[in-house]
Amino acid sequence: EAAAAAAAAGDETAEAEETLADHGRLFVRNLAYHVTEAELQALFGAFGPLSELHLPMDAQTRRGKGYGYVTFSLGEHAVRALSALDGTIFQGRLLHIMSSRPPPRSARDDETDIHSKSYKKKK
């Protein structure tokens, strides 16, 4: 039974890596609240070119929320970054990195939908 469970876990890991290779988006948590996009760019950029980097900010304190999203141009770079950086220390904190959901549709995709335009854009 243990061998079957290990094989099933291996299949799930391979499937998750395959999905990650499709969209190349990582969810990074346990970031320092003062981390900057430039610092994350330097850390993750070593594994390949990034197409997007998103650090949500708290509106009241104007500092990071402790997590972010990193999207690589090529999914295989995301797989390499995940395996190399997950569980490492960055700015005194233990990084926890996992495959993210595919990115949401961009605003450009929504422009083709007449119902999603604001009143000003319709004029």
Foldseek 3Di string as FASTA:
>chain_A
DVVVVVVVVVVVVVVQLVQLQVQQKKKKFQADFADDPVNVCVLLCVLHAWPDKFFDADPPVRTGPGMIMTGHPGSVSSSVSQVPQQQDADPRTGMHMGRDDHDDDDVVVCVVPPVPDDPVVVD
